[in-house]
Structure formats: C-alpha cells, structure tokens
Protein backbone atom coordinates (compact mmCIF):
# COMPACT_ATOMS: atom_id res chain seq x y z
CA MET A 1 108.93 150.88 86.23
CA THR A 2 111.02 149.16 83.59
CA ARG A 3 111.30 145.64 82.34
CA SER A 4 114.09 144.17 80.27
CA GLY A 5 112.79 140.73 79.35
CA LEU A 6 113.10 137.29 80.89
CA ASN A 7 116.16 135.44 82.09
CA SER A 8 116.63 131.67 81.82
CA SER A 9 114.25 131.09 84.73
CA GLY A 10 111.42 133.09 83.16
CA LEU A 11 111.83 136.11 85.39
CA THR A 12 112.41 139.71 84.42
CA SER A 13 116.09 140.51 84.60
CA SER A 14 115.75 143.93 86.19
CA GLY A 15 114.10 145.19 89.37
CA LEU A 16 110.66 146.75 89.04
CA THR A 17 110.85 149.38 91.75
CA SER A 18 112.98 152.49 92.00
CA ALA A 19 114.61 151.54 95.33
CA VAL A 20 118.31 150.73 95.03
CA LEU A 21 119.73 147.93 97.14
CA THR A 22 122.43 148.84 99.61
CA MET A 23 125.80 147.10 99.50
CA PRO A 24 124.96 144.74 102.42
CA GLN A 25 121.64 143.93 100.73
CA ARG A 26 123.42 143.11 97.47
CA TRP A 27 125.81 140.82 99.33
CA PHE A 28 122.84 139.09 100.95
CA VAL A 29 121.12 138.64 97.58
CA SER A 30 124.33 137.18 96.12
CA LEU A 31 124.47 134.69 98.99
CA LEU A 32 120.83 133.69 98.48
CA CYS A 33 121.38 133.27 94.75
CA ALA A 34 124.42 131.05 95.29
CA MET A 35 122.59 128.91 97.84
CA THR A 36 119.56 128.53 95.54
CA LYS A 37 121.71 127.67 92.55
CA VAL A 38 123.58 124.97 94.48
CA GLY A 39 120.56 123.59 96.33
CA ALA A 40 117.80 123.86 93.74
CA GLY A 41 119.70 124.15 90.48
CA HIS A 42 118.04 127.32 89.21
CA ASP A 43 118.39 131.10 89.41
CA MET A 44 115.91 133.25 91.35
CA GLN A 45 117.92 136.48 91.55
CA PRO A 46 115.10 138.83 90.46
CA ILE A 47 112.76 137.41 93.12
CA HIS A 48 115.46 137.56 95.78
CA GLU A 49 116.18 141.17 94.87
CA GLU A 50 112.51 142.11 95.03
CA MET A 51 112.06 140.33 98.37
CA VAL A 52 115.00 142.19 99.91
CA ARG A 53 113.92 145.46 98.33
CA THR A 54 110.39 145.04 99.71
CA LEU A 55 111.00 143.32 103.06
CA GLY A 56 114.63 144.04 103.94
CA VAL A 57 117.17 141.40 104.96
CA GLY A 58 115.44 140.51 108.23
CA GLY A 59 112.00 140.30 106.64
CA THR A 60 113.30 138.15 103.80
CA MET A 61 114.93 135.71 106.23
CA LYS A 62 111.69 135.51 108.20
CA LEU A 63 109.69 134.91 105.03
CA MET A 64 112.01 132.16 103.81
CA ARG A 65 111.98 130.38 107.17
CA LEU A 66 108.19 130.50 107.23
CA GLY A 67 108.00 129.16 103.68
CA ALA A 68 110.32 126.27 104.47
CA GLU A 69 108.29 125.39 107.57
CA VAL A 70 104.93 125.52 105.79
CA THR A 71 106.16 123.53 102.78
CA SER A 72 107.86 120.90 104.93
CA ARG A 73 104.83 120.45 107.15
CA LEU A 74 102.44 120.30 104.20
CA ALA A 75 104.56 117.69 102.43
CA HIS A 76 104.80 115.64 105.63
CA VAL A 77 101.03 115.64 106.10
CA VAL A 78 99.76 115.18 102.53
CA GLY A 79 102.81 114.09 100.52
CA ASP A 80 105.05 115.93 98.04
CA TYR A 81 102.74 115.68 95.04
CA THR A 82 99.62 116.91 96.81
CA ALA A 83 101.55 119.60 98.70
CA GLN A 84 102.90 121.09 95.47
CA THR A 85 99.44 120.92 93.87
CA VAL A 86 97.93 122.79 96.83
CA ILE A 87 100.68 125.43 96.65
CA ALA A 88 100.16 125.88 92.89
CA VAL A 89 96.44 126.46 93.36
CA ALA A 90 97.02 128.87 96.27
CA ALA A 91 99.36 130.86 94.02
CA MET A 92 96.82 130.75 91.19
CA TRP A 93 94.26 132.54 93.35
CA ASN A 94 96.91 135.25 93.88
CA GLY A 95 97.53 135.57 90.15
CA CYS A 96 101.24 134.62 90.20
CA ARG A 97 102.03 132.76 86.98
CA TYR A 98 105.61 132.00 88.00
CA CYS A 99 104.63 130.16 91.19
CA VAL A 100 101.62 128.50 89.57
CA ILE A 101 103.71 126.98 86.79
CA GLY A 102 106.73 126.14 88.93
CA HIS A 103 104.83 124.38 91.71
CA ASN A 104 102.44 122.56 89.38
CA PHE A 105 105.47 121.40 87.39
CA SER A 106 107.00 120.13 90.65
CA ALA A 107 103.79 118.31 91.54
CA ASN A 108 103.76 116.61 88.16
CA LEU A 109 107.39 115.54 88.50
CA PHE A 110 106.75 114.00 91.92
CA ARG A 111 103.73 112.10 90.61
CA PHE A 112 105.56 110.92 87.50
CA ARG A 113 108.57 109.80 89.54
CA ASP A 114 106.57 108.07 92.26
CA VAL A 115 103.71 106.38 90.40
CA GLY A 116 104.64 106.71 86.74
CA LEU A 117 101.62 108.83 85.84
CA LEU A 118 101.05 112.36 84.60
CA GLY A 119 99.19 114.67 86.93
CA PRO A 120 95.75 115.91 85.84
CA LEU A 121 96.92 119.54 85.57
CA ASP A 122 99.04 120.16 82.50
CA GLU A 123 101.32 123.22 82.90
CA VAL A 124 99.55 124.80 79.93
CA ASP A 125 96.08 124.04 81.29
CA ILE A 126 96.72 125.61 84.68
CA VAL A 127 97.92 128.84 83.06
CA ASP A 128 94.71 128.93 81.01
CA MET A 129 92.71 128.52 84.25
CA MET A 130 94.11 131.83 85.48
CA SER A 131 91.80 133.68 83.10
CA LEU A 132 88.73 132.21 84.85
CA THR A 133 86.87 133.59 87.84
CA ASP A 134 87.65 132.04 91.21
CA ARG A 135 84.41 130.07 91.15
CA GLU A 136 85.02 128.89 87.57
CA THR A 137 88.50 127.80 88.62
CA LEU A 138 87.02 125.73 91.45
CA GLU A 139 84.71 123.96 89.01
CA ALA A 140 87.58 123.34 86.60
CA LEU A 141 89.56 121.79 89.46
CA ARG A 142 86.53 119.70 90.41
CA SER A 143 86.43 118.22 86.91
CA LYS A 144 90.12 117.31 87.17
CA PHE A 145 90.27 115.90 90.70
CA GLU A 146 86.90 114.98 92.20
CA THR A 147 86.71 111.50 90.68
CA SER A 148 90.36 110.62 90.10
CA GLU A 149 91.83 112.10 93.29
CA PRO A 150 89.06 112.70 95.84
CA ARG A 151 91.48 113.41 98.70
CA THR A 152 93.31 116.11 96.73
CA TRP A 153 89.98 117.52 95.60
CA HIS A 154 88.73 117.75 99.18
CA LEU A 155 91.83 119.74 100.19
CA LEU A 156 91.47 122.12 97.23
CA GLU A 157 87.78 122.67 97.88
CA ARG A 158 88.46 123.16 101.57
CA MET A 159 91.16 125.72 100.80
CA TYR A 160 88.73 127.58 98.54
CA GLN A 161 86.17 127.68 101.33
CA LEU A 162 88.74 128.90 103.85
CA ARG A 163 89.83 131.71 101.57
CA PHE A 164 86.64 132.85 99.90
CA GLN A 165 83.85 131.75 102.24
CA ALA A 166 85.49 132.46 105.61
CA ILE A 167 84.49 129.12 107.10
CA GLU A 168 85.73 128.13 110.55
CA PRO A 169 88.87 125.91 110.52
CA VAL A 170 87.66 122.68 112.12
CA GLU A 171 89.19 119.88 110.02
CA PRO A 172 92.70 118.51 110.80
CA GLU A 173 94.42 120.17 107.80
CA ASP A 174 92.53 123.48 107.94
CA GLN A 175 95.15 125.45 109.89
CA LEU A 176 97.86 124.16 107.55
CA LEU A 177 95.82 125.18 104.51
CA LYS A 178 95.30 128.63 106.06
CA ALA A 179 99.05 128.93 106.65
CA THR A 180 99.67 127.96 103.01
CA LEU A 181 97.24 130.61 101.80
CA ALA A 182 98.75 133.26 104.07
CA TYR A 183 102.36 132.51 103.15
CA TRP A 184 101.84 132.46 99.39
CA GLU A 185 99.74 135.59 99.50
CA TRP A 186 102.66 137.27 101.23
CA LEU A 187 105.30 135.80 98.92
CA ASN A 188 103.35 136.58 95.76
CA GLU A 189 103.49 140.27 96.63
CA CYS A 190 107.13 139.98 95.54
CA THR A 191 106.75 137.50 92.68
CA ILE A 192 103.55 138.37 90.85
CA VAL A 193 104.92 141.15 88.62
CA LEU A 194 108.33 139.58 88.13
CA GLY A 195 106.79 136.46 86.63
CA ILE A 196 104.00 138.10 84.65
CA ASP A 197 105.36 136.85 81.30
CA ALA A 198 106.49 133.47 82.60
CA GLY A 199 105.45 130.40 80.62
CA PRO A 200 105.67 126.61 80.94
CA ASP A 201 108.82 126.56 78.81
CA ASN A 202 110.90 128.86 81.03
CA VAL A 203 109.94 128.21 84.66
CA PRO A 204 111.87 125.61 86.70
CA ALA A 205 110.38 123.09 89.13
CA LEU A 206 110.28 125.37 92.18
CA GLY A 207 109.45 122.67 94.72
CA PHE A 208 111.53 119.78 93.36
CA MET A 209 115.20 120.20 94.21
CA ARG A 210 117.48 119.38 91.27
CA PRO A 211 115.25 116.95 89.34
CA PRO A 212 117.36 114.39 87.42
CA ALA A 213 117.81 115.11 83.73
CA LYS A 214 116.34 111.73 82.78
CA LEU A 215 113.21 112.39 84.84
CA LEU A 216 112.77 115.73 83.09
CA ARG A 217 113.24 114.20 79.63
CA ASP A 218 110.88 111.34 80.32
CA TYR A 219 108.23 113.59 81.83
CA HIS A 220 108.33 116.11 78.98
CA HIS A 221 108.15 113.29 76.43
CA ALA A 222 105.16 111.67 78.15
CA ARG A 223 103.40 115.03 78.51
CA GLU A 224 103.94 115.89 74.86
CA VAL A 225 102.60 112.48 73.79
CA ALA A 226 99.52 113.04 75.98
CA ARG A 227 98.96 116.52 74.52
CA THR A 228 99.28 115.23 70.98
CA SER A 229 97.04 112.20 71.49
CA GLY A 230 94.54 113.93 73.75
CA ASP A 231 94.93 111.19 76.38
CA GLY A 232 94.37 111.81 80.06
CA PRO A 233 96.93 111.53 82.87
CA ALA A 234 98.95 108.50 81.89
CA GLY A 235 102.63 107.97 81.48
CA ASP A 236 105.61 105.69 81.60
CA GLY A 237 107.60 107.02 84.52
CA PRO A 238 110.11 105.23 86.73
CA ALA A 239 107.44 103.70 88.99
CA ALA A 240 105.47 102.41 86.01
CA GLN A 241 108.59 100.90 84.53
CA GLY A 242 109.51 99.23 87.82
C-alpha cells in the first residue's frame, strides 16, 4: 500500500488498495465528488474512491442512503449539535480520526451558531482522547458532559453501554443509537486509514453543509481565545450577540 500525503481535506490523495476502479466506477466517483463539492463545499474524493473500491457502486449508494437516513433521524430527535457529538464519539470508538474531527467540528459550529457558546470538546482534545482506552474515554466524556449537558451525557453513556456491554435496547433512543453505531462502524471501514494523519487544521465540518465564512472565523477566534486563556466552553457567537 502506498500513501502520497494529504489533500486539502486532510485525506490521503491516493488509494490504499491495489484494486483499480473501472471506467463506470470512476464516472460514479466523479459524480459523487461534484455533488459533495456543490452541496457540502469540500472534497471527499479519496473516501468516495475507497467506498466504491470496497463496496461497489450499488453498495456505496446503499451506504450513503443509510447514512443520510440515520443522520437525519438523529438530528430530528436530539438536535443537530447533539447528533454530531454522538456521531463523533461513535467514530472515535472505531478509531477514525477524520470522522471524529469532522463531526465534532460540526457539532461545535452548530452550538456556536445556535447558542453562542463553544462546545465542551475541543477538536484537539477529542483527538487526544483517541489514545485512551474505551473506559477511560467514557470517563473523560463524563467529566465534559455529565454536569453541563446531562442529556447529551446520558446518550453517550447509553451508546457506550449498547456497544460494549450488550445491554438490551429499551429506551426511546436506543435503536437510533444502535443504528448510529452500526452505520459508522461500516463507514469507518473505508475512512479509517485514509484519515490516519488527519488533524484539526485540515478536516472540514463533515456534518455542517457549507458553514458561512464569518461563522468559521468567529468560531476559530473564540476557540483560540479559550485555548490561550484556559477558559471553558464560552464564546461570542451569533446567538450570544443577538
């Protein structure tokens, strides 16, 4: 397997398997790339290539439909910010840096836009958490969410129990959390190696479609101020200003 560095989205610019895409597969990847660039504003060509190489055209379409359904339903039930936080943590337990950073970044943008506050998980902090054991990660999340966001904490703890303790799904969101775990475990089979060197400075907001430039500038400024001062999740986003 070869790697030739990262592109502007933090992904390796070459495929990591020896299989060569057929002409129809390359056309399909080009279509996916164009749609993603227009709709989301960023490039995911290496991931699209790996998905088609691994799953084929039909399997990729099925995977993308499933992902859209799970994400939409999750956001409808728990809200955009919490949905993206749940997805980021699910990806963390699969070891996919690219999805962890991109979805946590999206969560933070939603929170900053909607309530004018920084989320408790800095993009740098959540990458550092990936070096912990699963149980240590749970305790780190507890320290971030249990007091400040008890509802989010309950969902994260419940998801941990569903994945690692094989509890029976009896609460209203349990089946949705199980679907989230299952989908991102499947997706991360295609993304985990491609994003192995991804960092907070080169991964886009994967779950926030075309975030406004001003929102990005304001968020990054507030986050940098918080990092420098050591303050907790505070900010001066649009909601705070309004």
